[in-house]
C-alpha atoms as a PDB file:
ATOM      1  CA  MET A   1      -0.058   0.116 -33.452  1.00  0.00           C
ATOM      2  CA  SER A   2      -0.875  -1.486 -30.117  1.00  0.00           C
ATOM      3  CA  GLU A   3      -2.657   0.727 -27.601  1.00  0.00           C
ATOM      4  CA  ASN A   4      -0.114  -0.467 -25.032  1.00  0.00           C
ATOM      5  CA  GLN A   5       2.537   1.691 -26.719  1.00  0.00           C
ATOM      6  CA  ASN A   6       0.830   4.655 -25.086  1.00  0.00           C
ATOM      7  CA  LEU A   7       1.234   3.277 -21.563  1.00  0.00           C
ATOM      8  CA  LEU A   8       3.366   5.224 -19.139  1.00  0.00           C
ATOM      9  CA  ALA A   9       6.634   3.521 -18.258  1.00  0.00           C
ATOM     10  CA  GLU A  10       5.431   2.919 -14.685  1.00  0.00           C
ATOM     11  CA  GLN A  11       2.223   1.277 -15.902  1.00  0.00           C
ATOM     12  CA  ARG A  12       4.148  -0.892 -18.351  1.00  0.00           C
ATOM     13  CA  ARG A  13       6.533  -2.053 -15.640  1.00  0.00           C
ATOM     14  CA  ALA A  14       3.628  -2.858 -13.335  1.00  0.00           C
ATOM     15  CA  LEU A  15       2.131  -5.042 -16.083  1.00  0.00           C
ATOM     16  CA  ILE A  16       5.482  -6.774 -16.596  1.00  0.00           C
ATOM     17  CA  LEU A  17       5.856  -7.447 -12.872  1.00  0.00           C
ATOM     18  CA  ASP A  18       2.326  -8.853 -12.684  1.00  0.00           C
ATOM     19  CA  GLU A  19       3.096 -11.168 -15.597  1.00  0.00           C
ATOM     20  CA  VAL A  20       6.367 -12.353 -14.048  1.00  0.00           C
ATOM     21  CA  ARG A  21       4.734 -13.081 -10.704  1.00  0.00           C
ATOM     22  CA  ARG A  22       1.646 -14.711 -12.197  1.00  0.00           C
ATOM     23  CA  ARG A  23       3.536 -17.026 -14.555  1.00  0.00           C
ATOM     24  CA  GLY A  24       6.731 -17.502 -12.579  1.00  0.00           C
ATOM     25  CA  GLY A  25       8.817 -16.064 -15.417  1.00  0.00           C
ATOM     26  CA  VAL A  26       8.521 -14.497 -18.880  1.00  0.00           C
ATOM     27  CA  ARG A  27      10.626 -14.128 -22.015  1.00  0.00           C
ATOM     28  CA  VAL A  28      11.504 -10.795 -23.605  1.00  0.00           C
ATOM     29  CA  ASN A  29       9.891 -11.714 -26.952  1.00  0.00           C
ATOM     30  CA  GLU A  30       6.620 -12.580 -25.172  1.00  0.00           C
ATOM     31  CA  LEU A  31       6.571  -9.178 -23.486  1.00  0.00           C
ATOM     32  CA  THR A  32       7.280  -7.300 -26.709  1.00  0.00           C
ATOM     33  CA  ARG A  33       4.280  -8.966 -28.354  1.00  0.00           C
ATOM     34  CA  LYS A  34       2.008  -8.471 -25.359  1.00  0.00           C
ATOM     35  CA  LEU A  35       2.916  -4.825 -24.784  1.00  0.00           C
ATOM     36  CA  GLY A  36       3.454  -3.801 -28.400  1.00  0.00           C
ATOM     37  CA  VAL A  37       6.816  -2.174 -27.694  1.00  0.00           C
ATOM     38  CA  SER A  38      10.378  -2.744 -28.819  1.00  0.00           C
ATOM     39  CA  ASP A  39      12.792  -5.328 -27.516  1.00  0.00           C
ATOM     40  CA  MET A  40      15.012  -2.501 -26.210  1.00  0.00           C
ATOM     41  CA  THR A  41      12.115  -0.938 -24.266  1.00  0.00           C
ATOM     42  CA  VAL A  42      11.317  -4.230 -22.560  1.00  0.00           C
ATOM     43  CA  ARG A  43      14.972  -4.782 -21.649  1.00  0.00           C
ATOM     44  CA  ARG A  44      15.182  -1.290 -20.135  1.00  0.00           C
ATOM     45  CA  ASP A  45      12.043  -2.013 -18.113  1.00  0.00           C
ATOM     46  CA  LEU A  46      13.528  -5.279 -16.883  1.00  0.00           C
ATOM     47  CA  ASP A  47      16.722  -3.460 -15.908  1.00  0.00           C
ATOM     48  CA  THR A  48      14.682  -0.978 -13.851  1.00  0.00           C
ATOM     49  CA  LEU A  49      12.674  -3.705 -12.109  1.00  0.00           C
ATOM     50  CA  ALA A  50      15.855  -5.659 -11.394  1.00  0.00           C
ATOM     51  CA  ARG A  51      17.428  -2.571  -9.774  1.00  0.00           C
ATOM     52  CA  GLN A  52      14.319  -2.250  -7.608  1.00  0.00           C
ATOM     53  CA  GLY A  53      14.911  -5.807  -6.460  1.00  0.00           C
ATOM     54  CA  VAL A  54      11.519  -7.215  -7.512  1.00  0.00           C
ATOM     55  CA  ILE A  55      12.659  -9.438 -10.426  1.00  0.00           C
ATOM     56  CA  GLU A  56      15.811 -11.295 -11.421  1.00  0.00           C
ATOM     57  CA  LYS A  57      16.995 -11.080 -15.007  1.00  0.00           C
ATOM     58  CA  VAL A  58      17.868 -14.379 -16.658  1.00  0.00           C
ATOM     59  CA  HIS A  59      18.970 -15.213 -20.201  1.00  0.00           C
ATOM     60  CA  GLY A  60      16.161 -14.113 -22.517  1.00  0.00           C
ATOM     61  CA  GLY A  61      13.762 -12.926 -19.825  1.00  0.00           C
ATOM     62  CA  ALA A  62      13.069 -12.572 -16.116  1.00  0.00           C
ATOM     63  CA  VAL A  63      11.863 -14.511 -13.073  1.00  0.00           C
ATOM     64  CA  PRO A  64      10.444 -13.282  -9.749  1.00  0.00           C
ATOM     65  CA  VAL A  65      12.690 -12.696  -6.770  1.00  0.00           C
ATOM     66  CA  VAL A  66      11.993 -15.009  -3.854  1.00  0.00           C
ATOM     67  CA  GLU A  67      12.296 -12.656  -0.897  1.00  0.00           C
ATOM     68  CA  ALA A  68      13.313 -13.617   2.600  1.00  0.00           C
ATOM     69  CA  SER A  69      10.739 -12.907   5.292  1.00  0.00           C
ATOM     70  CA  THR A  70      13.089 -10.247   6.694  1.00  0.00           C
ATOM     71  CA  HIS A  71      13.541  -8.369   3.398  1.00  0.00           C
ATOM     72  CA  GLU A  72      12.149  -4.837   3.573  1.00  0.00           C
ATOM     73  CA  PRO A  73      12.197  -2.812   0.333  1.00  0.00           C
ATOM     74  CA  GLY A  74      12.711   0.949   0.638  1.00  0.00           C
ATOM     75  CA  PHE A  75       9.991   3.501  -0.066  1.00  0.00           C
ATOM     76  CA  GLU A  76      11.377   4.425  -3.490  1.00  0.00           C
ATOM     77  CA  ALA A  77      11.558   0.779  -4.575  1.00  0.00           C
ATOM     78  CA  LYS A  78       7.913   0.214  -3.651  1.00  0.00           C
ATOM     79  CA  SER A  79       6.560   3.528  -4.912  1.00  0.00           C
ATOM     80  CA  GLY A  80       6.878   2.555  -8.579  1.00  0.00           C
ATOM     81  CA  LEU A  81       4.886  -0.680  -8.210  1.00  0.00           C
ATOM     82  CA  GLU A  82       1.150  -1.188  -8.836  1.00  0.00           C
ATOM     83  CA  LEU A  83       0.588   2.544  -9.374  1.00  0.00           C
ATOM     84  CA  THR A  84      -2.868   2.238 -10.916  1.00  0.00           C
ATOM     85  CA  ALA A  85      -4.045  -0.163  -8.217  1.00  0.00           C
ATOM     86  CA  LYS A  86      -2.766   2.086  -5.437  1.00  0.00           C
ATOM     87  CA  GLU A  87      -4.473   5.120  -6.935  1.00  0.00           C
ATOM     88  CA  ASP A  88      -7.793   3.252  -7.248  1.00  0.00           C
ATOM     89  CA  ILE A  89      -7.505   1.970  -3.682  1.00  0.00           C
ATOM     90  CA  ALA A  90      -6.624   5.424  -2.341  1.00  0.00           C
ATOM     91  CA  ARG A  91      -9.574   7.070  -4.065  1.00  0.00           C
ATOM     92  CA  THR A  92     -11.970   4.417  -2.771  1.00  0.00           C
ATOM     93  CA  ALA A  93     -10.607   4.513   0.777  1.00  0.00           C
ATOM     94  CA  ALA A  94     -10.830   8.318   0.904  1.00  0.00           C
ATOM     95  CA  ALA A  95     -14.588   8.055   0.324  1.00  0.00           C
ATOM     96  CA  LEU A  96     -14.869   6.272   3.689  1.00  0.00           C
ATOM     97  CA  VAL A  97     -13.643   9.347   5.594  1.00  0.00           C
ATOM     98  CA  THR A  98     -16.084  11.929   6.929  1.00  0.00           C
ATOM     99  CA  PRO A  99     -15.162  15.543   7.768  1.00  0.00           C
ATOM    100  CA  GLY A 100     -14.086  16.129  11.345  1.00  0.00           C
ATOM    101  CA  SER A 101     -12.811  12.590  11.903  1.00  0.00           C
ATOM    102  CA  ALA A 102      -9.722  11.626  13.867  1.00  0.00           C
ATOM    103  CA  ILE A 103      -7.855   9.175  11.658  1.00  0.00           C
ATOM    104  CA  ALA A 104      -4.488   7.439  11.669  1.00  0.00           C
ATOM    105  CA  LEU A 105      -2.389   6.597   8.622  1.00  0.00           C
ATOM    106  CA  SER A 106       0.434   4.091   8.898  1.00  0.00           C
ATOM    107  CA  GLY A 107       3.528   4.148   6.725  1.00  0.00           C
ATOM    108  CA  GLY A 108       3.524   2.823   3.176  1.00  0.00           C
ATOM    109  CA  THR A 109       3.140   3.861  -0.437  1.00  0.00           C
ATOM    110  CA  THR A 110      -0.618   3.175  -0.521  1.00  0.00           C
ATOM    111  CA  THR A 111      -1.303   5.309   2.562  1.00  0.00           C
ATOM    112  CA  TYR A 112       0.896   7.967   0.951  1.00  0.00           C
ATOM    113  CA  ALA A 113      -1.409   7.909  -2.090  1.00  0.00           C
ATOM    114  CA  LEU A 114      -4.428   8.025   0.234  1.00  0.00           C
ATOM    115  CA  ALA A 115      -3.101  11.114   2.030  1.00  0.00           C
ATOM    116  CA  GLN A 116      -3.186  13.055  -1.233  1.00  0.00           C
ATOM    117  CA  HIS A 117      -6.879  12.245  -1.634  1.00  0.00           C
ATOM    118  CA  LEU A 118      -7.645  13.457   1.894  1.00  0.00           C
ATOM    119  CA  LEU A 119      -6.380  17.008   1.433  1.00  0.00           C
ATOM    120  CA  ASP A 120      -9.864  18.278   0.545  1.00  0.00           C
ATOM    121  CA  VAL A 121     -11.621  16.592   3.492  1.00  0.00           C
ATOM    122  CA  PRO A 122     -12.105  19.372   6.071  1.00  0.00           C
ATOM    123  CA  ASP A 123     -11.303  19.396   9.777  1.00  0.00           C
ATOM    124  CA  LEU A 124      -9.410  16.120   9.954  1.00  0.00           C
ATOM    125  CA  THR A 125      -7.059  15.217  12.760  1.00  0.00           C
ATOM    126  CA  VAL A 126      -4.407  12.984  11.230  1.00  0.00           C
ATOM    127  CA  VAL A 127      -2.052  10.882  13.352  1.00  0.00           C
ATOM    128  CA  THR A 128       0.732   9.232  11.405  1.00  0.00           C
ATOM    129  CA  ASN A 129       4.065   7.506  11.891  1.00  0.00           C
ATOM    130  CA  SER A 130       4.938   8.140   8.235  1.00  0.00           C
ATOM    131  CA  VAL A 131       7.306  10.968   7.349  1.00  0.00           C
ATOM    132  CA  ARG A 132       6.027  10.843   3.763  1.00  0.00           C
ATOM    133  CA  VAL A 133       2.366  11.104   4.775  1.00  0.00           C
ATOM    134  CA  ALA A 134       3.063  14.036   7.104  1.00  0.00           C
ATOM    135  CA  ASP A 135       4.927  15.784   4.265  1.00  0.00           C
ATOM    136  CA  VAL A 136       1.852  15.535   2.015  1.00  0.00           C
ATOM    137  CA  PHE A 137      -0.236  17.563   4.457  1.00  0.00           C
ATOM    138  CA  HIS A 138       2.530  19.967   5.473  1.00  0.00           C
ATOM    139  CA  SER A 139       3.432  20.701   1.832  1.00  0.00           C
ATOM    140  CA  ALA A 140      -0.202  21.405   0.976  1.00  0.00           C
ATOM    141  CA  GLN A 141      -0.493  23.792   3.914  1.00  0.00           C
ATOM    142  CA  ARG A 142       2.734  25.612   2.994  1.00  0.00           C
ATOM    143  CA  SER A 143       1.564  26.146  -0.575  1.00  0.00           C
ATOM    144  CA  SER A 144      -1.989  27.251   0.262  1.00  0.00           C
ATOM    145  CA  GLY A 145      -1.551  28.696   3.749  1.00  0.00           C
ATOM    146  CA  GLN A 146      -3.160  27.480   6.977  1.00  0.00           C
ATOM    147  CA  SER A 147      -6.717  27.732   5.658  1.00  0.00           C
ATOM    148  CA  GLN A 148      -9.819  27.057   7.693  1.00  0.00           C
ATOM    149  CA  GLY A 149     -10.599  23.341   7.760  1.00  0.00           C
ATOM    150  CA  ALA A 150      -7.002  22.278   7.127  1.00  0.00           C
ATOM    151  CA  ALA A 151      -5.954  19.013   8.741  1.00  0.00           C
ATOM    152  CA  THR A 152      -4.250  18.936  12.113  1.00  0.00           C
ATOM    153  CA  VAL A 153      -1.320  16.546  11.717  1.00  0.00           C
ATOM    154  CA  VAL A 154       0.388  14.676  14.555  1.00  0.00           C
ATOM    155  CA  LEU A 155       3.676  12.945  13.664  1.00  0.00           C
ATOM    156  CA  THR A 156       4.523  10.333  16.276  1.00  0.00           C
ATOM    157  CA  GLY A 157       8.312  10.534  16.281  1.00  0.00           C
ATOM    158  CA  GLY A 158      10.513   7.444  16.523  1.00  0.00           C
ATOM    159  CA  VAL A 159      13.243   5.639  14.601  1.00  0.00           C
ATOM    160  CA  ARG A 160      13.023   5.738  10.811  1.00  0.00           C
ATOM    161  CA  THR A 161      12.688   2.471   8.833  1.00  0.00           C
ATOM    162  CA  PRO A 162      13.659   1.832   5.158  1.00  0.00           C
ATOM    163  CA  SER A 163      10.011   2.515   4.245  1.00  0.00           C
ATOM    164  CA  ASP A 164      10.153   5.927   5.991  1.00  0.00           C
ATOM    165  CA  SER A 165       7.950   4.889   8.901  1.00  0.00           C
ATOM    166  CA  LEU A 166       8.732   5.979  12.460  1.00  0.00           C
ATOM    167  CA  VAL A 167       8.773   3.082  14.934  1.00  0.00           C
ATOM    168  CA  GLY A 168      10.096   2.092  18.340  1.00  0.00           C
ATOM    169  CA  PRO A 169       9.346   3.100  21.953  1.00  0.00           C
ATOM    170  CA  VAL A 170       8.822   6.809  21.231  1.00  0.00           C
ATOM    171  CA  ALA A 171       6.257   6.087  18.516  1.00  0.00           C
ATOM    172  CA  ASP A 172       4.609   3.351  20.588  1.00  0.00           C
ATOM    173  CA  GLN A 173       4.196   5.595  23.634  1.00  0.00           C
ATOM    174  CA  ALA A 174       2.718   8.438  21.577  1.00  0.00           C
ATOM    175  CA  ILE A 175       0.206   6.147  19.862  1.00  0.00           C
ATOM    176  CA  ALA A 176      -0.821   4.387  23.092  1.00  0.00           C
ATOM    177  CA  ALA A 177      -2.137   7.679  24.515  1.00  0.00           C
ATOM    178  CA  LEU A 178      -4.364   8.400  21.491  1.00  0.00           C
ATOM    179  CA  HIS A 179      -7.673   7.122  20.124  1.00  0.00           C
ATOM    180  CA  PHE A 180      -8.739   7.333  16.469  1.00  0.00           C
ATOM    181  CA  ASP A 181     -12.048   6.846  14.704  1.00  0.00           C
ATOM    182  CA  MET A 182     -10.339   5.026  11.827  1.00  0.00           C
ATOM    183  CA  LEU A 183      -6.934   3.554  11.097  1.00  0.00           C
ATOM    184  CA  PHE A 184      -5.799   3.179   7.488  1.00  0.00           C
ATOM    185  CA  LEU A 185      -3.105   0.567   7.529  1.00  0.00           C
ATOM    186  CA  GLY A 186      -0.651  -0.313   4.785  1.00  0.00           C
ATOM    187  CA  VAL A 187       0.847  -3.804   5.053  1.00  0.00           C
ATOM    188  CA  HIS A 188       3.748  -5.827   3.693  1.00  0.00           C
ATOM    189  CA  GLY A 189       1.710  -9.020   3.507  1.00  0.00           C
ATOM    190  CA  ILE A 190      -1.693 -10.602   4.194  1.00  0.00           C
ATOM    191  CA  SER A 191      -2.565 -14.264   4.593  1.00  0.00           C
ATOM    192  CA  VAL A 192      -5.109 -16.377   6.444  1.00  0.00           C
ATOM    193  CA  GLU A 193      -2.444 -18.131   8.507  1.00  0.00           C
ATOM    194  CA  ALA A 194      -0.188 -15.158   9.343  1.00  0.00           C
ATOM    195  CA  GLY A 195      -2.750 -12.357   9.232  1.00  0.00           C
ATOM    196  CA  LEU A 196      -1.076  -8.979   8.713  1.00  0.00           C
ATOM    197  CA  SER A 197       2.716  -9.096   8.732  1.00  0.00           C
ATOM    198  CA  THR A 198       5.862  -7.044   8.220  1.00  0.00           C
ATOM    199  CA  PRO A 199       9.576  -7.881   7.921  1.00  0.00           C
ATOM    200  CA  ASN A 200      10.444  -5.236  10.554  1.00  0.00           C
ATOM    201  CA  LEU A 201      10.042  -6.303  14.209  1.00  0.00           C
ATOM    202  CA  ALA A 202       9.862  -2.765  15.578  1.00  0.00           C
ATOM    203  CA  GLU A 203       7.301  -1.784  12.947  1.00  0.00           C
ATOM    204  CA  ALA A 204       5.199  -4.796  13.917  1.00  0.00           C
ATOM    205  CA  GLU A 205       4.980  -3.547  17.510  1.00  0.00           C
ATOM    206  CA  THR A 206       4.104  -0.008  16.418  1.00  0.00           C
ATOM    207  CA  ASN A 207       1.401  -1.379  14.115  1.00  0.00           C
ATOM    208  CA  ARG A 208      -0.037  -3.380  17.032  1.00  0.00           C
ATOM    209  CA  ARG A 209      -0.364  -0.121  18.969  1.00  0.00           C
ATOM    210  CA  LEU A 210      -2.082   1.537  16.018  1.00  0.00           C
ATOM    211  CA  VAL A 211      -4.580  -1.324  15.731  1.00  0.00           C
ATOM    212  CA  HIS A 212      -5.273  -1.260  19.487  1.00  0.00           C
ATOM    213  CA  SER A 213      -5.966   2.516  19.440  1.00  0.00           C
ATOM    214  CA  ALA A 214      -8.433   2.459  16.528  1.00  0.00           C
ATOM    215  CA  ARG A 215     -12.198   2.024  16.622  1.00  0.00           C
ATOM    216  CA  ARG A 216     -12.131   0.774  13.015  1.00  0.00           C
ATOM    217  CA  VAL A 217      -9.197  -0.839  11.204  1.00  0.00           C
ATOM    218  CA  ILE A 218      -9.109  -0.436   7.424  1.00  0.00           C
ATOM    219  CA  VAL A 219      -6.317  -2.164   5.511  1.00  0.00           C
ATOM    220  CA  VAL A 220      -5.378  -0.638   2.154  1.00  0.00           C
ATOM    221  CA  ALA A 221      -3.400  -3.147   0.084  1.00  0.00           C
ATOM    222  CA  ASP A 222      -3.148  -4.130  -3.561  1.00  0.00           C
ATOM    223  CA  HIS A 223      -3.652  -7.719  -4.702  1.00  0.00           C
ATOM    224  CA  THR A 224       0.078  -8.561  -4.740  1.00  0.00           C
ATOM    225  CA  LYS A 225       0.146  -8.405  -0.915  1.00  0.00           C
ATOM    226  CA  TRP A 226      -2.161 -11.434  -0.645  1.00  0.00           C
ATOM    227  CA  GLY A 227      -0.201 -14.551   0.252  1.00  0.00           C
ATOM    228  CA  THR A 228       2.935 -12.610   1.246  1.00  0.00           C
ATOM    229  CA  VAL A 229       4.246 -13.299   4.758  1.00  0.00           C
ATOM    230  CA  GLY A 230       6.771 -11.124   6.599  1.00  0.00           C
ATOM    231  CA  LEU A 231       8.854 -12.049   9.632  1.00  0.00           C
ATOM    232  CA  SER A 232       6.435 -10.742  12.260  1.00  0.00           C
ATOM    233  CA  SER A 233       2.625 -10.898  12.434  1.00  0.00           C
ATOM    234  CA  PHE A 234       0.930  -8.018  14.220  1.00  0.00           C
ATOM    235  CA  ALA A 235      -2.815  -8.596  13.712  1.00  0.00           C
ATOM    236  CA  ALA A 236      -5.194 -11.397  12.775  1.00  0.00           C
ATOM    237  CA  LEU A 237      -7.568 -10.971   9.843  1.00  0.00           C
ATOM    238  CA  GLU A 238     -10.448 -10.983  12.308  1.00  0.00           C
ATOM    239  CA  GLN A 239      -9.137  -7.714  13.785  1.00  0.00           C
ATOM    240  CA  VAL A 240      -9.608  -5.968  10.432  1.00  0.00           C
ATOM    241  CA  ASP A 241     -12.947  -4.276   9.802  1.00  0.00           C
ATOM    242  CA  THR A 242     -12.413  -3.531   6.103  1.00  0.00           C
ATOM    243  CA  LEU A 243      -9.920  -4.469   3.404  1.00  0.00           C
ATOM    244  CA  VAL A 244      -9.783  -2.088   0.444  1.00  0.00           C
ATOM    245  CA  THR A 245      -8.010  -3.729  -2.490  1.00  0.00           C
ATOM    246  CA  ASP A 246      -8.016  -3.709  -6.304  1.00  0.00           C
ATOM    247  CA  SER A 247      -9.679  -5.791  -8.995  1.00  0.00           C
ATOM    248  CA  GLY A 248      -6.551  -7.892  -9.518  1.00  0.00           C
ATOM    249  CA  LEU A 249      -7.401  -9.966  -6.441  1.00  0.00           C
ATOM    250  CA  PRO A 250      -8.465 -13.440  -7.679  1.00  0.00           C
ATOM    251  CA  ARG A 251     -11.989 -14.706  -7.036  1.00  0.00           C
ATOM    252  CA  GLU A 252     -10.838 -17.573  -4.817  1.00  0.00           C
ATOM    253  CA  ALA A 253      -8.819 -15.147  -2.660  1.00  0.00           C
ATOM    254  CA  ARG A 254     -11.855 -12.880  -2.292  1.00  0.00           C
ATOM    255  CA  GLU A 255     -13.948 -15.782  -1.088  1.00  0.00           C
ATOM    256  CA  GLU A 256     -11.287 -16.841   1.402  1.00  0.00           C
ATOM    257  CA  ILE A 257     -10.847 -13.302   2.728  1.00  0.00           C
ATOM    258  CA  SER A 258     -14.585 -12.791   3.090  1.00  0.00           C
ATOM    259  CA  GLU A 259     -14.729 -15.720   5.494  1.00  0.00           C
ATOM    260  CA  HIS A 260     -12.452 -13.876   7.923  1.00  0.00           C
ATOM    261  CA  LEU A 261     -13.112 -10.153   7.411  1.00  0.00           C
ATOM    262  CA  HIS A 262     -16.124  -8.032   8.225  1.00  0.00           C
ATOM    263  CA  ARG A 263     -16.015  -6.304   4.839  1.00  0.00           C
ATOM    264  CA  LEU A 264     -14.123  -6.520   1.549  1.00  0.00           C
ATOM    265  CA  VAL A 265     -14.161  -3.488  -0.758  1.00  0.00           C
ATOM    266  CA  VAL A 266     -12.788  -3.897  -4.282  1.00  0.00           C
ATOM    267  CA  ALA A 267     -11.970  -0.531  -5.853  1.00  0.00           C
ATOM    268  CA  GLY A 268     -14.096   0.117  -8.920  1.00  0.00           C
ATOM    269  CA  GLU A 269     -16.419  -2.807  -8.214  1.00  0.00           C
ATOM    270  CA  THR A 270     -18.144  -1.851  -4.960  1.00  0.00           C
ATOM    271  CA  ASP A 271     -20.941   0.672  -4.561  1.00  0.00           C
ATOM    272  CA  LEU A 272     -19.836   2.409  -1.371  1.00  0.00           C
ATOM    273  CA  ALA A 273     -23.075   4.324  -0.948  1.00  0.00           C
ATOM    274  CA  ALA A 274     -25.034   1.085  -0.954  1.00  0.00           C
ATOM    275  CA  ASP A 275     -22.484  -0.794   1.140  1.00  0.00           C
ATOM    276  CA  LEU A 276     -22.002   1.653   4.001  1.00  0.00           C
END
């Protein structure tokens, strides 16, 4: 029996999506052999990924979806992708935060994962334009009570996007009046030419404000974001202090990124104590 039969459905689908993107398309029989599961299981996984809009089913297999630069997947569609990578990134990024800091968390599924790892860091002030991130802290406080050292959370307000971020003039004005020690920024895409980008114009402007208000900018993004370009750029790579990513990032991409960033941290491969 293949050890891959014991994978969670979400992990299996993440592996399938990686394979589709890496090879430009796969056949069902190839996936059954690789994953050690039944033909029916693979077809169900492909159905789920197709509903999420990240692959297109074709006769006998699947190919990647070529997205327009304005396409913005919803939070639920993105939350099931690259789960292991996001968890590794979140755990690594949380180690960069010291008690008593004023930090900002942008919207996104990776910052959502990060928020859950920050619940035990005392005396944080957390500014966020993410409804989901704010809910993580508020839910924890409701279940355990307003204990000493619990985070103070500031939700910016604004207009809600498909990814459950709050953007627009209200959010921009709130952020412009604040100053954070660190910004943890989730992104739609990263590239040398376009820098950090998003398909949502209003979100791009709000992200610019977040970057401007932060002493340190830390991007948290899995390897699939590299080479993706959204409609609007909001920061150059040189404005990023640290990129925290996962081990799936290819060697050539790491070398290219390192030429433009102050610091690249690969979850599971970097000794933070030695690197800080």
